[in-house]
N, C-alpha and C. Protein backbone atom coordinates (compact mmCIF):
# COMPACT_ATOMS: atom_id res chain seq x y z
N MET A 1 -24.42 214.74 -46.85
CA MET A 1 -24.22 213.75 -45.78
C MET A 1 -25.43 212.83 -45.74
N SER A 2 -25.16 211.50 -45.70
CA SER A 2 -26.25 210.54 -45.70
C SER A 2 -26.92 210.49 -44.34
N MET A 3 -28.11 209.85 -44.32
CA MET A 3 -28.85 209.74 -43.07
C MET A 3 -28.09 208.92 -42.04
N PHE A 4 -27.41 207.83 -42.52
CA PHE A 4 -26.65 207.01 -41.58
C PHE A 4 -25.55 207.82 -40.91
N ASN A 5 -24.86 208.67 -41.71
CA ASN A 5 -23.81 209.48 -41.12
C ASN A 5 -24.37 210.51 -40.14
N LYS A 6 -25.57 211.02 -40.46
CA LYS A 6 -26.18 211.98 -39.54
C LYS A 6 -26.54 211.32 -38.22
N LEU A 7 -27.05 210.07 -38.31
CA LEU A 7 -27.51 209.39 -37.09
C LEU A 7 -26.36 208.82 -36.28
N PHE A 8 -25.45 208.15 -36.97
CA PHE A 8 -24.45 207.37 -36.25
C PHE A 8 -23.02 207.91 -36.39
N GLY A 9 -22.82 208.85 -37.27
CA GLY A 9 -21.51 209.45 -37.35
C GLY A 9 -20.53 208.68 -38.20
N LYS A 10 -19.35 209.25 -38.37
CA LYS A 10 -18.28 208.66 -39.17
C LYS A 10 -17.27 207.99 -38.25
N PRO A 11 -16.28 207.31 -38.82
CA PRO A 11 -15.26 206.67 -37.96
C PRO A 11 -14.61 207.62 -36.98
N LYS A 12 -14.40 208.89 -37.39
CA LYS A 12 -13.80 209.84 -36.47
C LYS A 12 -14.71 210.09 -35.28
N GLN A 13 -16.00 210.21 -35.58
CA GLN A 13 -16.95 210.40 -34.48
C GLN A 13 -17.04 209.17 -33.59
N GLU A 14 -16.84 207.99 -34.19
CA GLU A 14 -16.84 206.76 -33.38
C GLU A 14 -15.68 206.78 -32.40
N SER A 15 -14.51 207.24 -32.86
CA SER A 15 -13.37 207.34 -31.94
C SER A 15 -13.65 208.35 -30.84
N ASN A 16 -14.39 209.42 -31.20
CA ASN A 16 -14.77 210.39 -30.16
C ASN A 16 -15.70 209.75 -29.13
N ALA A 17 -16.59 208.87 -29.62
CA ALA A 17 -17.49 208.18 -28.69
C ALA A 17 -16.70 207.30 -27.72
N LEU A 18 -15.66 206.63 -28.23
CA LEU A 18 -14.82 205.81 -27.36
C LEU A 18 -14.10 206.66 -26.33
N ALA A 19 -13.61 207.82 -26.77
CA ALA A 19 -12.94 208.73 -25.83
C ALA A 19 -13.92 209.22 -24.78
N THR A 20 -15.16 209.47 -25.19
CA THR A 20 -16.18 209.91 -24.23
C THR A 20 -16.47 208.84 -23.20
N LEU A 21 -16.55 207.58 -23.66
CA LEU A 21 -16.77 206.48 -22.72
C LEU A 21 -15.63 206.37 -21.71
N ASP A 22 -14.41 206.56 -22.18
CA ASP A 22 -13.26 206.52 -21.26
C ASP A 22 -13.37 207.65 -20.23
N LYS A 23 -13.75 208.85 -20.69
CA LYS A 23 -13.88 209.98 -19.78
C LYS A 23 -14.98 209.74 -18.75
N LEU A 24 -16.08 209.15 -19.18
CA LEU A 24 -17.17 208.84 -18.26
C LEU A 24 -16.72 207.82 -17.21
N ASN A 25 -15.95 206.83 -17.65
CA ASN A 25 -15.42 205.84 -16.70
C ASN A 25 -14.53 206.49 -15.66
N GLU A 26 -13.68 207.39 -16.10
CA GLU A 26 -12.81 208.08 -15.16
C GLU A 26 -13.62 208.90 -14.15
N THR A 27 -14.62 209.60 -14.67
CA THR A 27 -15.47 210.41 -13.78
C THR A 27 -16.20 209.53 -12.79
N LEU A 28 -16.69 208.37 -13.25
CA LEU A 28 -17.40 207.46 -12.37
C LEU A 28 -16.49 206.95 -11.26
N GLU A 29 -15.26 206.62 -11.58
CA GLU A 29 -14.32 206.17 -10.56
C GLU A 29 -14.04 207.27 -9.55
N MET A 30 -13.91 208.53 -10.03
CA MET A 30 -13.67 209.65 -9.14
C MET A 30 -14.84 209.85 -8.17
N LEU A 31 -16.06 209.76 -8.67
CA LEU A 31 -17.24 209.92 -7.82
C LEU A 31 -17.33 208.80 -6.78
N GLU A 32 -16.99 207.60 -7.19
CA GLU A 32 -17.02 206.47 -6.24
C GLU A 32 -16.01 206.68 -5.12
N LYS A 33 -14.83 207.20 -5.46
CA LYS A 33 -13.82 207.47 -4.43
C LYS A 33 -14.30 208.56 -3.45
N LYS A 34 -14.91 209.61 -4.01
CA LYS A 34 -15.43 210.67 -3.14
C LYS A 34 -16.53 210.14 -2.23
N GLU A 35 -17.36 209.27 -2.78
CA GLU A 35 -18.44 208.69 -1.97
C GLU A 35 -17.89 207.87 -0.83
N ASN A 36 -16.84 207.11 -1.09
CA ASN A 36 -16.23 206.30 -0.02
C ASN A 36 -15.63 207.20 1.08
N VAL A 37 -15.02 208.29 0.65
CA VAL A 37 -14.45 209.23 1.64
C VAL A 37 -15.55 209.83 2.52
N LEU A 38 -16.65 210.24 1.87
CA LEU A 38 -17.75 210.83 2.63
C LEU A 38 -18.40 209.81 3.56
N LEU A 39 -18.49 208.57 3.14
CA LEU A 39 -19.04 207.53 4.01
C LEU A 39 -18.17 207.35 5.26
N LYS A 40 -16.87 207.38 5.07
CA LYS A 40 -15.97 207.25 6.22
C LYS A 40 -16.12 208.47 7.16
N LYS A 41 -16.25 209.67 6.57
CA LYS A 41 -16.42 210.86 7.40
C LYS A 41 -17.73 210.82 8.17
N ALA A 42 -18.80 210.37 7.53
CA ALA A 42 -20.09 210.26 8.21
C ALA A 42 -20.01 209.26 9.35
N ALA A 43 -19.33 208.13 9.14
CA ALA A 43 -19.17 207.14 10.19
C ALA A 43 -18.35 207.70 11.35
N THR A 44 -17.34 208.53 11.02
CA THR A 44 -16.51 209.14 12.07
C THR A 44 -17.34 210.11 12.92
N GLU A 45 -18.22 210.89 12.27
CA GLU A 45 -19.05 211.83 13.02
C GLU A 45 -20.01 211.09 13.94
N VAL A 46 -20.49 209.92 13.52
CA VAL A 46 -21.37 209.13 14.38
C VAL A 46 -20.62 208.67 15.62
N GLU A 47 -19.38 208.23 15.46
CA GLU A 47 -18.58 207.79 16.61
C GLU A 47 -18.29 208.96 17.55
N LYS A 48 -18.02 210.13 16.96
CA LYS A 48 -17.77 211.31 17.81
C LYS A 48 -19.03 211.66 18.61
N ALA A 49 -20.19 211.59 17.95
CA ALA A 49 -21.45 211.91 18.64
C ALA A 49 -21.67 210.95 19.80
N LYS A 50 -21.34 209.72 19.65
CA LYS A 50 -21.46 208.75 20.75
C LYS A 50 -20.54 209.12 21.91
N ASP A 51 -19.30 209.50 21.54
CA ASP A 51 -18.34 209.86 22.60
C ASP A 51 -18.83 211.10 23.37
N TYR A 52 -19.32 212.12 22.63
CA TYR A 52 -19.82 213.32 23.31
C TYR A 52 -21.06 213.01 24.15
N THR A 53 -21.86 212.06 23.69
CA THR A 53 -23.04 211.71 24.47
C THR A 53 -22.63 211.07 25.79
N ARG A 54 -21.63 210.21 25.76
CA ARG A 54 -21.15 209.60 27.00
C ARG A 54 -20.55 210.65 27.94
N ALA A 55 -19.97 211.70 27.31
CA ALA A 55 -19.35 212.77 28.12
C ALA A 55 -20.37 213.83 28.52
N LYS A 56 -21.62 213.61 28.24
CA LYS A 56 -22.69 214.53 28.61
C LYS A 56 -22.55 215.88 27.90
N ASN A 57 -21.87 215.86 26.74
CA ASN A 57 -21.71 217.09 25.95
C ASN A 57 -22.72 217.04 24.81
N LYS A 58 -23.93 217.43 25.13
CA LYS A 58 -25.02 217.30 24.17
C LYS A 58 -24.83 218.21 22.97
N ARG A 59 -24.36 219.42 23.16
CA ARG A 59 -24.19 220.38 22.08
C ARG A 59 -23.20 219.86 21.05
N ALA A 60 -22.07 219.35 21.50
CA ALA A 60 -21.06 218.83 20.57
C ALA A 60 -21.59 217.61 19.82
N ALA A 61 -22.37 216.77 20.51
CA ALA A 61 -22.93 215.58 19.85
C ALA A 61 -23.88 215.98 18.73
N ILE A 62 -24.68 217.05 19.00
CA ILE A 62 -25.62 217.51 17.96
C ILE A 62 -24.87 218.06 16.76
N GLN A 63 -23.77 218.75 16.95
CA GLN A 63 -22.97 219.27 15.84
C GLN A 63 -22.42 218.12 14.98
N CYS A 64 -22.02 217.09 15.66
CA CYS A 64 -21.51 215.92 14.91
C CYS A 64 -22.60 215.30 14.04
N LEU A 65 -23.81 215.23 14.59
CA LEU A 65 -24.92 214.65 13.81
C LEU A 65 -25.29 215.54 12.63
N LYS A 66 -25.18 216.89 12.81
CA LYS A 66 -25.44 217.79 11.70
C LYS A 66 -24.44 217.58 10.56
N ARG A 67 -23.16 217.47 10.94
CA ARG A 67 -22.15 217.22 9.91
C ARG A 67 -22.40 215.90 9.22
N LYS A 68 -22.85 214.91 9.99
CA LYS A 68 -23.18 213.60 9.39
C LYS A 68 -24.29 213.75 8.36
N ARG A 69 -25.32 214.57 8.68
CA ARG A 69 -26.41 214.78 7.73
C ARG A 69 -25.90 215.45 6.45
N LEU A 70 -24.98 216.42 6.61
CA LEU A 70 -24.42 217.09 5.42
C LEU A 70 -23.67 216.07 4.53
N TYR A 71 -22.88 215.25 5.19
CA TYR A 71 -22.15 214.21 4.42
C TYR A 71 -23.14 213.27 3.71
N GLU A 72 -24.21 212.92 4.39
CA GLU A 72 -25.19 212.02 3.78
C GLU A 72 -25.86 212.67 2.57
N GLN A 73 -26.11 213.99 2.66
CA GLN A 73 -26.69 214.69 1.51
C GLN A 73 -25.73 214.66 0.31
N GLN A 74 -24.46 214.90 0.58
CA GLN A 74 -23.46 214.84 -0.50
C GLN A 74 -23.36 213.43 -1.08
N ILE A 75 -23.44 212.44 -0.19
CA ILE A 75 -23.38 211.05 -0.66
C ILE A 75 -24.56 210.75 -1.58
N GLU A 76 -25.73 211.24 -1.19
CA GLU A 76 -26.91 211.03 -2.03
C GLU A 76 -26.76 211.73 -3.37
N GLN A 77 -26.20 212.93 -3.36
CA GLN A 77 -25.98 213.67 -4.60
C GLN A 77 -24.99 212.94 -5.51
N LEU A 78 -23.92 212.43 -4.90
CA LEU A 78 -22.94 211.67 -5.69
C LEU A 78 -23.56 210.41 -6.28
N GLY A 79 -24.47 209.79 -5.52
CA GLY A 79 -25.15 208.61 -6.05
C GLY A 79 -25.99 208.93 -7.27
N ASN A 80 -26.64 210.12 -7.24
CA ASN A 80 -27.43 210.54 -8.40
C ASN A 80 -26.52 210.82 -9.60
N PHE A 81 -25.35 211.43 -9.35
CA PHE A 81 -24.40 211.67 -10.44
C PHE A 81 -23.95 210.35 -11.07
N GLN A 82 -23.66 209.39 -10.23
CA GLN A 82 -23.21 208.09 -10.76
C GLN A 82 -24.30 207.42 -11.59
N LEU A 83 -25.53 207.55 -11.13
CA LEU A 83 -26.64 206.97 -11.87
C LEU A 83 -26.78 207.60 -13.25
N ARG A 84 -26.63 208.93 -13.33
CA ARG A 84 -26.71 209.60 -14.63
C ARG A 84 -25.57 209.18 -15.54
N ILE A 85 -24.39 209.04 -14.97
CA ILE A 85 -23.24 208.63 -15.78
C ILE A 85 -23.44 207.21 -16.31
N HIS A 86 -23.94 206.33 -15.44
CA HIS A 86 -24.23 204.96 -15.90
C HIS A 86 -25.25 204.99 -17.04
N ASP A 87 -26.25 205.81 -16.92
CA ASP A 87 -27.27 205.91 -17.96
C ASP A 87 -26.66 206.41 -19.27
N GLN A 88 -25.78 207.43 -19.18
CA GLN A 88 -25.13 207.96 -20.37
C GLN A 88 -24.21 206.92 -21.01
N MET A 89 -23.51 206.14 -20.20
CA MET A 89 -22.61 205.11 -20.73
C MET A 89 -23.40 204.02 -21.46
N ILE A 90 -24.55 203.65 -20.89
CA ILE A 90 -25.38 202.64 -21.54
C ILE A 90 -25.86 203.13 -22.90
N LEU A 91 -26.27 204.41 -22.96
CA LEU A 91 -26.73 204.97 -24.22
C LEU A 91 -25.61 205.01 -25.26
N LEU A 92 -24.42 205.42 -24.83
CA LEU A 92 -23.29 205.49 -25.76
C LEU A 92 -22.87 204.11 -26.25
N GLU A 93 -22.86 203.14 -25.34
CA GLU A 93 -22.49 201.78 -25.75
C GLU A 93 -23.51 201.20 -26.73
N GLY A 94 -24.80 201.52 -26.49
CA GLY A 94 -25.82 201.07 -27.44
C GLY A 94 -25.66 201.73 -28.79
N ALA A 95 -25.35 203.04 -28.78
CA ALA A 95 -25.13 203.74 -30.05
C ALA A 95 -23.91 203.20 -30.77
N LYS A 96 -22.88 202.87 -30.01
CA LYS A 96 -21.67 202.30 -30.62
C LYS A 96 -21.97 200.95 -31.26
N ALA A 97 -22.73 200.11 -30.56
CA ALA A 97 -23.09 198.80 -31.12
C ALA A 97 -23.93 198.98 -32.39
N THR A 98 -24.84 199.97 -32.36
CA THR A 98 -25.66 200.22 -33.54
C THR A 98 -24.80 200.69 -34.71
N THR A 99 -23.84 201.57 -34.42
CA THR A 99 -22.95 202.07 -35.48
C THR A 99 -22.14 200.93 -36.08
N GLU A 100 -21.60 200.05 -35.24
CA GLU A 100 -20.82 198.92 -35.74
C GLU A 100 -21.69 197.98 -36.58
N THR A 101 -22.94 197.78 -36.14
CA THR A 101 -23.84 196.91 -36.90
C THR A 101 -24.14 197.50 -38.28
N VAL A 102 -24.45 198.80 -38.30
CA VAL A 102 -24.75 199.46 -39.58
C VAL A 102 -23.52 199.43 -40.49
N ASP A 103 -22.35 199.66 -39.92
CA ASP A 103 -21.13 199.63 -40.72
C ASP A 103 -20.88 198.24 -41.30
N ALA A 104 -21.14 197.19 -40.49
CA ALA A 104 -20.97 195.82 -40.99
C ALA A 104 -21.95 195.52 -42.12
N LEU A 105 -23.20 195.97 -41.94
CA LEU A 105 -24.20 195.77 -42.99
C LEU A 105 -23.82 196.52 -44.26
N ARG A 106 -23.31 197.74 -44.11
CA ARG A 106 -22.90 198.52 -45.27
C ARG A 106 -21.75 197.82 -46.00
N THR A 107 -20.80 197.30 -45.23
CA THR A 107 -19.68 196.58 -45.86
C THR A 107 -20.15 195.32 -46.58
N GLY A 108 -21.08 194.58 -45.95
CA GLY A 108 -21.61 193.38 -46.60
C GLY A 108 -22.36 193.71 -47.88
N ALA A 109 -23.15 194.79 -47.85
CA ALA A 109 -23.88 195.18 -49.05
C ALA A 109 -22.93 195.57 -50.18
N ALA A 110 -21.85 196.28 -49.85
CA ALA A 110 -20.87 196.65 -50.86
C ALA A 110 -20.19 195.43 -51.45
N ALA A 111 -19.85 194.46 -50.58
CA ALA A 111 -19.22 193.23 -51.07
C ALA A 111 -20.17 192.44 -51.97
N MET A 112 -21.44 192.38 -51.57
CA MET A 112 -22.42 191.68 -52.41
C MET A 112 -22.58 192.36 -53.76
N LYS A 113 -22.60 193.69 -53.75
CA LYS A 113 -22.73 194.42 -55.01
C LYS A 113 -21.54 194.16 -55.91
N ALA A 114 -20.32 194.13 -55.33
CA ALA A 114 -19.12 193.86 -56.13
C ALA A 114 -19.15 192.45 -56.71
N MET A 115 -19.61 191.48 -55.91
CA MET A 115 -19.68 190.09 -56.40
C MET A 115 -20.70 189.96 -57.52
N GLN A 116 -21.84 190.64 -57.39
CA GLN A 116 -22.84 190.58 -58.44
C GLN A 116 -22.33 191.26 -59.72
N LYS A 117 -21.56 192.30 -59.55
CA LYS A 117 -20.99 192.97 -60.72
C LYS A 117 -19.97 192.09 -61.41
N ALA A 118 -19.20 191.33 -60.61
CA ALA A 118 -18.20 190.43 -61.20
C ALA A 118 -18.83 189.23 -61.87
N THR A 119 -20.02 188.83 -61.42
CA THR A 119 -20.72 187.68 -62.00
C THR A 119 -22.02 188.16 -62.65
N ASN A 120 -21.86 188.82 -63.79
CA ASN A 120 -23.02 189.31 -64.52
C ASN A 120 -23.83 188.15 -65.06
N ILE A 121 -25.15 188.29 -65.11
CA ILE A 121 -26.01 187.21 -65.59
C ILE A 121 -25.73 186.89 -67.04
N ASP A 122 -25.36 187.91 -67.83
CA ASP A 122 -25.03 187.66 -69.24
C ASP A 122 -23.78 186.80 -69.36
N ASP A 123 -22.79 187.07 -68.49
CA ASP A 123 -21.57 186.26 -68.51
C ASP A 123 -21.87 184.82 -68.12
N VAL A 124 -22.77 184.63 -67.15
CA VAL A 124 -23.13 183.27 -66.74
C VAL A 124 -23.80 182.52 -67.88
N ASP A 125 -24.74 183.18 -68.57
CA ASP A 125 -25.40 182.53 -69.71
C ASP A 125 -24.39 182.19 -70.81
N LYS A 126 -23.47 183.08 -71.07
CA LYS A 126 -22.47 182.83 -72.10
C LYS A 126 -21.59 181.64 -71.72
N THR A 127 -21.21 181.57 -70.45
CA THR A 127 -20.38 180.45 -70.00
C THR A 127 -21.11 179.13 -70.13
N MET A 128 -22.38 179.10 -69.77
CA MET A 128 -23.16 177.87 -69.89
C MET A 128 -23.33 177.45 -71.34
N ASP A 129 -23.52 178.41 -72.23
CA ASP A 129 -23.62 178.08 -73.67
C ASP A 129 -22.32 177.47 -74.17
N GLU A 130 -21.19 178.01 -73.74
CA GLU A 130 -19.89 177.46 -74.16
C GLU A 130 -19.71 176.04 -73.64
N ILE A 131 -20.13 175.80 -72.39
CA ILE A 131 -20.00 174.45 -71.84
C ILE A 131 -20.87 173.46 -72.61
N ASN A 132 -22.12 173.84 -72.93
CA ASN A 132 -23.00 172.96 -73.69
C ASN A 132 -22.45 172.69 -75.09
N GLU A 133 -21.88 173.71 -75.71
CA GLU A 133 -21.31 173.54 -77.05
C GLU A 133 -20.12 172.59 -77.02
N GLN A 134 -19.26 172.74 -76.03
CA GLN A 134 -18.09 171.86 -75.92
C GLN A 134 -18.53 170.42 -75.65
N THR A 135 -19.58 170.26 -74.82
CA THR A 135 -20.08 168.90 -74.54
C THR A 135 -20.63 168.25 -75.79
N GLU A 136 -21.36 168.99 -76.60
CA GLU A 136 -21.91 168.45 -77.84
C GLU A 136 -20.80 168.11 -78.83
N ASN A 137 -19.79 168.94 -78.93
CA ASN A 137 -18.65 168.64 -79.80
C ASN A 137 -17.94 167.36 -79.37
N MET A 138 -17.79 167.17 -78.06
CA MET A 138 -17.12 165.97 -77.57
C MET A 138 -17.93 164.72 -77.90
N LYS A 139 -19.26 164.81 -77.81
CA LYS A 139 -20.10 163.66 -78.18
C LYS A 139 -19.93 163.30 -79.65
N GLN A 140 -19.89 164.31 -80.50
CA GLN A 140 -19.71 164.05 -81.93
C GLN A 140 -18.36 163.42 -82.22
N ILE A 141 -17.33 163.88 -81.50
CA ILE A 141 -15.99 163.29 -81.70
C ILE A 141 -15.97 161.83 -81.27
N GLN A 142 -16.61 161.52 -80.15
CA GLN A 142 -16.64 160.14 -79.67
C GLN A 142 -17.43 159.24 -80.62
N GLU A 143 -18.53 159.74 -81.16
CA GLU A 143 -19.30 158.95 -82.13
C GLU A 143 -18.50 158.70 -83.40
N ALA A 144 -17.76 159.71 -83.84
CA ALA A 144 -16.94 159.55 -85.04
C ALA A 144 -15.85 158.52 -84.83
N LEU A 145 -15.26 158.50 -83.64
CA LEU A 145 -14.20 157.53 -83.35
C LEU A 145 -14.75 156.11 -83.21
N SER A 146 -16.00 155.96 -82.78
CA SER A 146 -16.57 154.63 -82.60
C SER A 146 -17.06 154.01 -83.91
N ASN A 147 -17.22 154.76 -84.99
CA ASN A 147 -17.67 154.21 -86.27
C ASN A 147 -16.55 153.42 -86.93
N PRO A 148 -16.85 152.25 -87.56
CA PRO A 148 -15.81 151.45 -88.25
C PRO A 148 -15.30 152.18 -89.48
N ILE A 149 -14.05 151.91 -89.77
CA ILE A 149 -13.43 152.53 -90.95
C ILE A 149 -12.76 151.45 -91.79
N GLY A 150 -12.40 151.77 -93.03
CA GLY A 150 -11.71 150.82 -93.91
C GLY A 150 -12.64 149.71 -94.40
N ALA A 151 -12.10 148.46 -94.52
CA ALA A 151 -12.87 147.32 -95.02
C ALA A 151 -14.00 146.94 -94.08
N ALA A 152 -13.81 147.14 -92.79
CA ALA A 152 -14.85 146.78 -91.83
C ALA A 152 -16.10 147.62 -91.99
N ALA A 153 -15.97 148.82 -92.59
CA ALA A 153 -17.13 149.66 -92.77
C ALA A 153 -18.07 149.14 -93.85
N ASP A 154 -17.53 148.24 -94.77
CA ASP A 154 -18.34 147.73 -95.88
C ASP A 154 -19.11 146.47 -95.50
N PHE A 155 -18.87 145.90 -94.34
CA PHE A 155 -19.56 144.68 -93.95
C PHE A 155 -21.03 144.99 -93.68
N ASP A 156 -21.90 144.02 -94.14
CA ASP A 156 -23.33 144.15 -93.90
C ASP A 156 -23.67 143.46 -92.59
N GLU A 157 -24.22 144.20 -91.67
CA GLU A 157 -24.55 143.64 -90.36
C GLU A 157 -25.61 142.55 -90.46
N ASP A 158 -26.58 142.69 -91.38
CA ASP A 158 -27.64 141.68 -91.53
C ASP A 158 -27.07 140.36 -92.02
N GLU A 159 -26.14 140.43 -92.99
CA GLU A 159 -25.52 139.20 -93.50
C GLU A 159 -24.71 138.51 -92.41
N LEU A 160 -24.02 139.29 -91.60
CA LEU A 160 -23.22 138.69 -90.53
C LEU A 160 -24.11 138.01 -89.50
N GLU A 161 -25.24 138.60 -89.19
CA GLU A 161 -26.15 137.98 -88.23
C GLU A 161 -26.76 136.70 -88.79
N ALA A 162 -27.10 136.67 -90.10
CA ALA A 162 -27.64 135.46 -90.73
C ALA A 162 -26.62 134.34 -90.71
N GLU A 163 -25.36 134.67 -90.98
CA GLU A 163 -24.30 133.66 -90.96
C GLU A 163 -24.11 133.10 -89.55
N LEU A 164 -24.23 133.95 -88.57
CA LEU A 164 -24.09 133.50 -87.19
C LEU A 164 -25.23 132.56 -86.82
N GLU A 165 -26.45 132.84 -87.27
CA GLU A 165 -27.58 131.95 -86.99
C GLU A 165 -27.37 130.58 -87.64
N GLU A 166 -26.80 130.53 -88.89
CA GLU A 166 -26.53 129.25 -89.55
C GLU A 166 -25.52 128.44 -88.75
N LEU A 167 -24.48 129.10 -88.23
CA LEU A 167 -23.48 128.39 -87.44
C LEU A 167 -24.10 127.82 -86.16
N GLU A 168 -24.96 128.58 -85.52
CA GLU A 168 -25.58 128.10 -84.30
C GLU A 168 -26.51 126.92 -84.59
N GLY A 169 -27.24 126.93 -85.74
CA GLY A 169 -28.12 125.81 -86.10
C GLY A 169 -27.33 124.55 -86.41
N ALA A 170 -26.21 124.67 -87.13
CA ALA A 170 -25.37 123.52 -87.44
C ALA A 170 -24.79 122.91 -86.18
N GLU A 171 -24.39 123.75 -85.25
CA GLU A 171 -23.82 123.25 -84.00
C GLU A 171 -24.87 122.48 -83.21
N LEU A 172 -26.10 122.97 -83.19
CA LEU A 172 -27.16 122.27 -82.47
C LEU A 172 -27.50 120.94 -83.13
N GLU A 173 -27.53 120.90 -84.46
CA GLU A 173 -27.83 119.65 -85.17
C GLU A 173 -26.74 118.61 -84.93
N GLU A 174 -25.52 119.03 -84.90
CA GLU A 174 -24.41 118.11 -84.65
C GLU A 174 -24.51 117.50 -83.26
N GLN A 175 -24.92 118.30 -82.30
CA GLN A 175 -25.06 117.80 -80.93
C GLN A 175 -26.19 116.77 -80.83
N LEU A 176 -27.27 116.96 -81.59
CA LEU A 176 -28.39 116.02 -81.54
C LEU A 176 -28.05 114.69 -82.20
N LEU A 177 -27.19 114.69 -83.24
CA LEU A 177 -26.84 113.46 -83.96
C LEU A 177 -25.79 112.64 -83.24
N GLN A 178 -25.06 113.16 -82.31
CA GLN A 178 -24.04 112.40 -81.61
C GLN A 178 -24.69 111.33 -80.74
N PRO A 179 -24.15 109.99 -80.77
CA PRO A 179 -24.72 108.93 -79.92
C PRO A 179 -24.46 109.22 -78.46
N ALA A 180 -25.44 108.78 -77.67
CA ALA A 180 -25.29 108.98 -76.21
C ALA A 180 -24.28 107.99 -75.67
N THR A 181 -23.40 108.35 -74.90
CA THR A 181 -22.38 107.49 -74.30
C THR A 181 -22.61 107.42 -72.80
N THR A 182 -22.36 106.15 -72.32
CA THR A 182 -22.55 105.94 -70.88
C THR A 182 -21.28 106.29 -70.16
N ALA A 183 -21.37 107.11 -69.30
CA ALA A 183 -20.19 107.52 -68.54
C ALA A 183 -19.80 106.43 -67.58
N PRO A 184 -18.52 106.11 -67.50
CA PRO A 184 -18.08 105.07 -66.57
C PRO A 184 -18.47 105.42 -65.14
N VAL A 185 -18.92 104.37 -64.46
CA VAL A 185 -19.35 104.55 -63.08
C VAL A 185 -18.12 104.63 -62.20
N ALA A 186 -18.04 105.64 -61.47
CA ALA A 186 -16.90 105.81 -60.58
C ALA A 186 -17.06 104.91 -59.39
N PRO A 187 -16.02 104.30 -58.96
CA PRO A 187 -16.11 103.43 -57.78
C PRO A 187 -16.51 104.24 -56.56
N ILE A 188 -17.38 103.60 -55.80
CA ILE A 188 -17.86 104.25 -54.59
C ILE A 188 -16.80 104.11 -53.51
N PRO A 189 -16.33 105.19 -53.02
CA PRO A 189 -15.29 105.07 -51.97
C PRO A 189 -15.88 104.53 -50.69
N VAL A 190 -15.16 103.63 -50.11
CA VAL A 190 -15.58 103.01 -48.85
C VAL A 190 -14.76 103.63 -47.74
N PRO A 191 -15.43 104.07 -46.71
CA PRO A 191 -14.66 104.65 -45.60
C PRO A 191 -13.66 103.66 -45.04
N ALA A 192 -12.60 104.20 -44.57
CA ALA A 192 -11.51 103.33 -44.09
C ALA A 192 -11.97 102.50 -42.91
N GLY A 193 -12.87 103.03 -42.14
CA GLY A 193 -13.32 102.28 -40.96
C GLY A 193 -14.23 101.12 -41.31
N ARG A 194 -14.88 101.18 -42.53
CA ARG A 194 -15.84 100.12 -42.89
C ARG A 194 -15.24 99.06 -43.82
N GLN A 195 -14.00 99.13 -44.23
CA GLN A 195 -13.39 98.12 -45.10
C GLN A 195 -13.22 96.79 -44.34
N THR A 196 -13.59 95.70 -45.05
CA THR A 196 -13.51 94.36 -44.43
C THR A 196 -12.05 93.93 -44.37
N ALA A 197 -11.64 93.65 -43.21
CA ALA A 197 -10.23 93.24 -43.04
C ALA A 197 -10.07 91.77 -43.41
N ARG A 198 -9.18 91.49 -44.39
CA ARG A 198 -8.88 90.10 -44.79
C ARG A 198 -7.89 89.49 -43.80
N PRO A 199 -8.20 88.18 -43.39
CA PRO A 199 -7.27 87.57 -42.42
C PRO A 199 -5.94 87.26 -43.07
N ALA A 200 -4.92 87.55 -42.39
CA ALA A 200 -3.57 87.28 -42.90
C ALA A 200 -3.31 85.77 -42.85
N PRO A 201 -2.69 85.19 -43.92
CA PRO A 201 -2.39 83.74 -43.94
C PRO A 201 -1.47 83.35 -42.80
N GLN A 202 -1.89 82.29 -42.13
CA GLN A 202 -1.10 81.81 -40.99
C GLN A 202 -0.13 80.70 -41.44
N LYS A 203 1.02 80.66 -40.86
CA LYS A 203 2.03 79.63 -41.16
C LYS A 203 1.69 78.32 -40.42
N ARG A 204 1.79 77.16 -41.16
CA ARG A 204 1.49 75.85 -40.54
C ARG A 204 2.76 75.31 -39.89
N THR A 205 2.51 74.61 -38.78
CA THR A 205 3.66 74.00 -38.08
C THR A 205 4.05 72.68 -38.74
N ALA A 206 5.18 72.09 -38.33
CA ALA A 206 5.69 70.81 -38.90
C ALA A 206 4.72 69.66 -38.60
N GLU A 207 4.11 69.65 -37.45
CA GLU A 207 3.18 68.59 -37.09
C GLU A 207 1.96 68.63 -37.99
N GLU A 208 1.50 69.88 -38.27
CA GLU A 208 0.35 70.00 -39.15
C GLU A 208 0.69 69.51 -40.56
N ASP A 209 1.91 69.75 -41.00
CA ASP A 209 2.33 69.26 -42.33
C ASP A 209 2.34 67.73 -42.36
N GLU A 210 2.84 67.12 -41.33
CA GLU A 210 2.88 65.66 -41.29
C GLU A 210 1.49 65.05 -41.25
N LEU A 211 0.58 65.73 -40.49
CA LEU A 211 -0.79 65.22 -40.38
C LEU A 211 -1.50 65.33 -41.72
N ALA A 212 -1.24 66.35 -42.42
CA ALA A 212 -1.84 66.50 -43.73
C ALA A 212 -1.34 65.47 -44.70
N ALA A 213 -0.04 65.17 -44.64
CA ALA A 213 0.55 64.16 -45.56
C ALA A 213 -0.03 62.78 -45.24
N LEU A 214 -0.24 62.46 -43.96
CA LEU A 214 -0.79 61.17 -43.57
C LEU A 214 -2.22 61.04 -44.02
N GLN A 215 -2.99 62.11 -43.90
CA GLN A 215 -4.39 62.07 -44.37
C GLN A 215 -4.44 61.87 -45.87
N ALA A 216 -3.49 62.42 -46.56
CA ALA A 216 -3.49 62.25 -48.02
C ALA A 216 -3.19 60.81 -48.39
N GLU A 217 -2.26 60.15 -47.68
CA GLU A 217 -1.93 58.78 -47.98
C GLU A 217 -3.10 57.87 -47.65
N MET A 218 -3.81 58.13 -46.57
CA MET A 218 -4.94 57.29 -46.21
C MET A 218 -6.06 57.45 -47.21
N ALA A 219 -6.15 58.59 -47.77
CA ALA A 219 -7.20 58.82 -48.78
C ALA A 219 -6.90 58.01 -50.02
N LEU A 220 -5.61 57.75 -50.34
CA LEU A 220 -5.27 56.95 -51.51
C LEU A 220 -5.62 55.51 -51.26
């Protein structure tokens, strides 16, 4: 038997602890009921003692007070019992919480151990090596696909670059030899508000025509 089982017990013992807590609760309720009954009896004896005192029956009043003292002693004893039961319940509840905590930790440790066993470090290294190998193979495949094949593979890159430079030089020389041309000047648009309005020709009357004809004859 392990130390944990010795200290905190097994699941069966845990169920026994729960049953014990239930029994303690029942006992506590029973003691509280008895205490309430005794309190009522003590209060009744006090009232009787008052009545006997008013009736000048001193002996009977003293007997009532004695019974009241006995009830009070029992009440005090019941209070001590309840206190012990409360103390025992607190201890059992603490032990139960400790047992549940240890059980949870034990379960977590077992789960962690199983996970570590399922993910062995050697398996992880092997998986990473396979991933790196596949990545390198894919790079080689992509490089092979990007290389030219057929007639294009025989072209000399240096010759192609030299030919391109000759074309660029010829194009530049042609641009320098072309005569400069003057671009036609675009008419400046005049805003509609600033255009000079031409006067519309006015029609001459018949009298004005006759006066003009007379002036022409006099000029001759």
